[in-house]
C-alpha atoms as a PDB file:
ATOM      1  CA  MET A   1     107.119 116.894  98.210  1.00  0.00           C
ATOM      2  CA  ARG A   2     107.162 114.734  95.554  1.00  0.00           C
ATOM      3  CA  ALA A   3     108.751 111.941  95.664  1.00  0.00           C
ATOM      4  CA  PRO A   4     112.519 110.237  93.930  1.00  0.00           C
ATOM      5  CA  PRO A   5     111.911 109.165  90.037  1.00  0.00           C
ATOM      6  CA  ARG A   6     112.137 105.603  91.001  1.00  0.00           C
ATOM      7  CA  LEU A   7     108.891 105.844  93.006  1.00  0.00           C
ATOM      8  CA  ALA A   8     106.970 107.640  91.571  1.00  0.00           C
ATOM      9  CA  THR A   9     107.203 106.120  87.823  1.00  0.00           C
ATOM     10  CA  PRO A  10     106.235 102.425  89.458  1.00  0.00           C
ATOM     11  CA  ARG A  11     103.713 104.708  90.906  1.00  0.00           C
ATOM     12  CA  ALA A  12     101.615 105.605  87.596  1.00  0.00           C
ATOM     13  CA  VAL A  13     102.412 102.740  86.131  1.00  0.00           C
ATOM     14  CA  ALA A  14     100.391 101.197  88.641  1.00  0.00           C
ATOM     15  CA  ARG A  15      98.043 103.407  88.544  1.00  0.00           C
ATOM     16  CA  THR A  16      98.407 103.561  84.622  1.00  0.00           C
ATOM     17  CA  GLN A  17      96.991 100.345  84.966  1.00  0.00           C
ATOM     18  CA  GLY A  18      94.262 100.635  87.100  1.00  0.00           C
ATOM     19  CA  ALA A  19      95.542  99.223  90.485  1.00  0.00           C
ATOM     20  CA  HIS A  20      94.865 101.394  93.795  1.00  0.00           C
ATOM     21  CA  VAL A  21      97.647 103.027  94.963  1.00  0.00           C
ATOM     22  CA  THR A  22      98.506 105.216  98.303  1.00  0.00           C
ATOM     23  CA  THR A  23     102.070 106.475  98.953  1.00  0.00           C
ATOM     24  CA  GLU A  24     103.470 107.810 102.427  1.00  0.00           C
ATOM     25  CA  PHE A  25     105.545 110.235 102.885  1.00  0.00           C
ATOM     26  CA  TYR A  26     107.547 111.791 105.868  1.00  0.00           C
ATOM     27  CA  VAL A  27     110.442 113.420 106.737  1.00  0.00           C
ATOM     28  CA  ASN A  28     113.374 112.922 108.854  1.00  0.00           C
ATOM     29  CA  ASP A  29     114.084 115.391 111.128  1.00  0.00           C
ATOM     30  CA  ALA A  30     117.006 113.916 112.778  1.00  0.00           C
ATOM     31  CA  GLY A  31     116.197 111.024 113.227  1.00  0.00           C
ATOM     32  CA  ASN A  32     112.915 111.363 115.084  1.00  0.00           C
ATOM     33  CA  GLN A  33     110.621 109.821 111.911  1.00  0.00           C
ATOM     34  CA  PHE A  34     113.272 106.174 111.825  1.00  0.00           C
ATOM     35  CA  GLU A  35     112.527 106.406 116.243  1.00  0.00           C
ATOM     36  CA  ALA A  36     109.364 106.713 115.236  1.00  0.00           C
ATOM     37  CA  LEU A  37     109.244 103.948 112.706  1.00  0.00           C
ATOM     38  CA  ALA A  38     111.131 101.434 114.743  1.00  0.00           C
ATOM     39  CA  ARG A  39     108.940 102.110 117.652  1.00  0.00           C
ATOM     40  CA  SER A  40     105.848 101.463 115.882  1.00  0.00           C
ATOM     41  CA  PHE A  41     107.814  98.507 114.049  1.00  0.00           C
ATOM     42  CA  GLU A  42     108.575  96.745 117.685  1.00  0.00           C
ATOM     43  CA  ALA A  43     104.728  96.322 117.929  1.00  0.00           C
ATOM     44  CA  ARG A  44     104.157  94.977 115.469  1.00  0.00           C
ATOM     45  CA  VAL A  45     106.700  92.475 116.956  1.00  0.00           C
ATOM     46  CA  ARG A  46     105.311  92.137 119.601  1.00  0.00           C
ATOM     47  CA  GLN A  47     101.562  91.926 117.859  1.00  0.00           C
ATOM     48  CA  GLU A  48     102.931  89.509 115.505  1.00  0.00           C
ATOM     49  CA  PHE A  49     104.501  87.126 118.379  1.00  0.00           C
ATOM     50  CA  GLY A  50     100.539  87.655 120.180  1.00  0.00           C
ATOM     51  CA  GLU A  51     101.341  90.403 122.477  1.00  0.00           C
ATOM     52  CA  PRO A  52      99.221  92.720 122.925  1.00  0.00           C
ATOM     53  CA  ALA A  53     100.526  95.826 122.189  1.00  0.00           C
ATOM     54  CA  ALA A  54      99.517  99.520 120.352  1.00  0.00           C
ATOM     55  CA  LEU A  55     101.021 101.775 117.902  1.00  0.00           C
ATOM     56  CA  PRO A  56     102.584 104.342 119.575  1.00  0.00           C
ATOM     57  CA  GLU A  57     101.096 108.238 119.655  1.00  0.00           C
ATOM     58  CA  ASN A  58     103.132 109.614 115.955  1.00  0.00           C
ATOM     59  CA  GLY A  59     103.241 105.783 114.601  1.00  0.00           C
ATOM     60  CA  TYR A  60     102.896 104.267 111.291  1.00  0.00           C
ATOM     61  CA  PRO A  61      99.772 102.002 110.618  1.00  0.00           C
ATOM     62  CA  GLY A  62     101.321 101.200 107.326  1.00  0.00           C
ATOM     63  CA  GLU A  63     100.494  96.884 106.934  1.00  0.00           C
ATOM     64  CA  TYR A  64     104.305  96.967 105.731  1.00  0.00           C
ATOM     65  CA  LEU A  65     105.473  97.119 108.901  1.00  0.00           C
ATOM     66  CA  VAL A  66     102.273  93.814 109.689  1.00  0.00           C
ATOM     67  CA  ASP A  67     105.024  92.546 107.444  1.00  0.00           C
ATOM     68  CA  LEU A  68     108.014  92.889 108.414  1.00  0.00           C
ATOM     69  CA  ALA A  69     106.976  92.620 111.939  1.00  0.00           C
ATOM     70  CA  LYS A  70     106.190  88.286 110.143  1.00  0.00           C
ATOM     71  CA  ALA A  71     109.418  87.978 107.995  1.00  0.00           C
ATOM     72  CA  TYR A  72     111.367  89.106 111.633  1.00  0.00           C
ATOM     73  CA  ARG A  73     109.652  86.054 112.596  1.00  0.00           C
ATOM     74  CA  HIS A  74     109.663  83.718 109.860  1.00  0.00           C
ATOM     75  CA  GLU A  75     114.263  84.819 109.755  1.00  0.00           C
ATOM     76  CA  GLY A  76     114.894  83.832 113.338  1.00  0.00           C
ATOM     77  CA  GLY A  77     113.595  87.349 115.626  1.00  0.00           C
ATOM     78  CA  ARG A  78     112.245  87.014 118.872  1.00  0.00           C
ATOM     79  CA  LEU A  79     110.584  89.193 120.679  1.00  0.00           C
ATOM     80  CA  MET A  80     112.397  91.713 122.173  1.00  0.00           C
ATOM     81  CA  ASN A  81     110.932  92.103 125.534  1.00  0.00           C
ATOM     82  CA  GLY A  82     112.193  95.009 127.899  1.00  0.00           C
ATOM     83  CA  ALA A  83     114.905  95.250 124.877  1.00  0.00           C
ATOM     84  CA  PRO A  84     116.394  98.850 124.512  1.00  0.00           C
ATOM     85  CA  GLU A  85     114.886 101.164 122.181  1.00  0.00           C
ATOM     86  CA  ALA A  86     118.724 100.695 119.879  1.00  0.00           C
ATOM     87  CA  ARG A  87     117.638  97.183 119.408  1.00  0.00           C
ATOM     88  CA  ALA A  88     114.850  98.094 117.331  1.00  0.00           C
ATOM     89  CA  HIS A  89     116.434 100.317 115.528  1.00  0.00           C
ATOM     90  CA  ARG A  90     119.194  97.198 114.298  1.00  0.00           C
ATOM     91  CA  ALA A  91     117.039  94.852 114.123  1.00  0.00           C
ATOM     92  CA  LEU A  92     114.414  97.464 111.628  1.00  0.00           C
ATOM     93  CA  ARG A  93     118.048  98.938 109.496  1.00  0.00           C
ATOM     94  CA  ALA A  94     118.558  94.341 108.504  1.00  0.00           C
ATOM     95  CA  LEU A  95     115.535  94.438 107.701  1.00  0.00           C
ATOM     96  CA  CYS A  96     115.894  96.705 105.610  1.00  0.00           C
ATOM     97  CA  GLY A  97     118.829  96.153 104.252  1.00  0.00           C
ATOM     98  CA  SER A  98     118.030  92.753 102.839  1.00  0.00           C
ATOM     99  CA  ARG A  99     115.771  93.769 100.880  1.00  0.00           C
ATOM    100  CA  GLY A 100     117.117  96.833  99.019  1.00  0.00           C
ATOM    101  CA  TRP A 101     116.338  99.213 101.153  1.00  0.00           C
ATOM    102  CA  SER A 102     117.500 102.558 102.141  1.00  0.00           C
ATOM    103  CA  SER A 103     116.863 104.264 105.105  1.00  0.00           C
ATOM    104  CA  ALA A 104     118.434 108.098 106.289  1.00  0.00           C
ATOM    105  CA  ALA A 105     118.413 106.387 109.786  1.00  0.00           C
ATOM    106  CA  PRO A 106     120.611 107.540 112.269  1.00  0.00           C
ATOM    107  CA  ASP A 107     123.170 105.294 113.898  1.00  0.00           C
ATOM    108  CA  PRO A 108     121.708 103.690 117.050  1.00  0.00           C
ATOM    109  CA  ALA A 109     123.917 104.962 120.126  1.00  0.00           C
END
């Protein structure tokens, strides 16, 4: 599987400059991957608010979710206690959209 050209070029340039670059790829199987990402984001938000929360099975361990959880809190986000999964989806989609990141995430029901 190949990264889109807009991502492959900065990665290649960074590597030529001696940077250690890691990449992650996923296949969005009808939204299941985004749901796993949203559940991982919710766990990171709970951790950001000082609550114990383990990443879900098949979750995303990337540090970028820690950074997104911090941004979510800094931008006025609240703890998602007992929140429906759709709320985590909307919060994550809004954060990604505000940063110019696109997502192939399904709209929450």
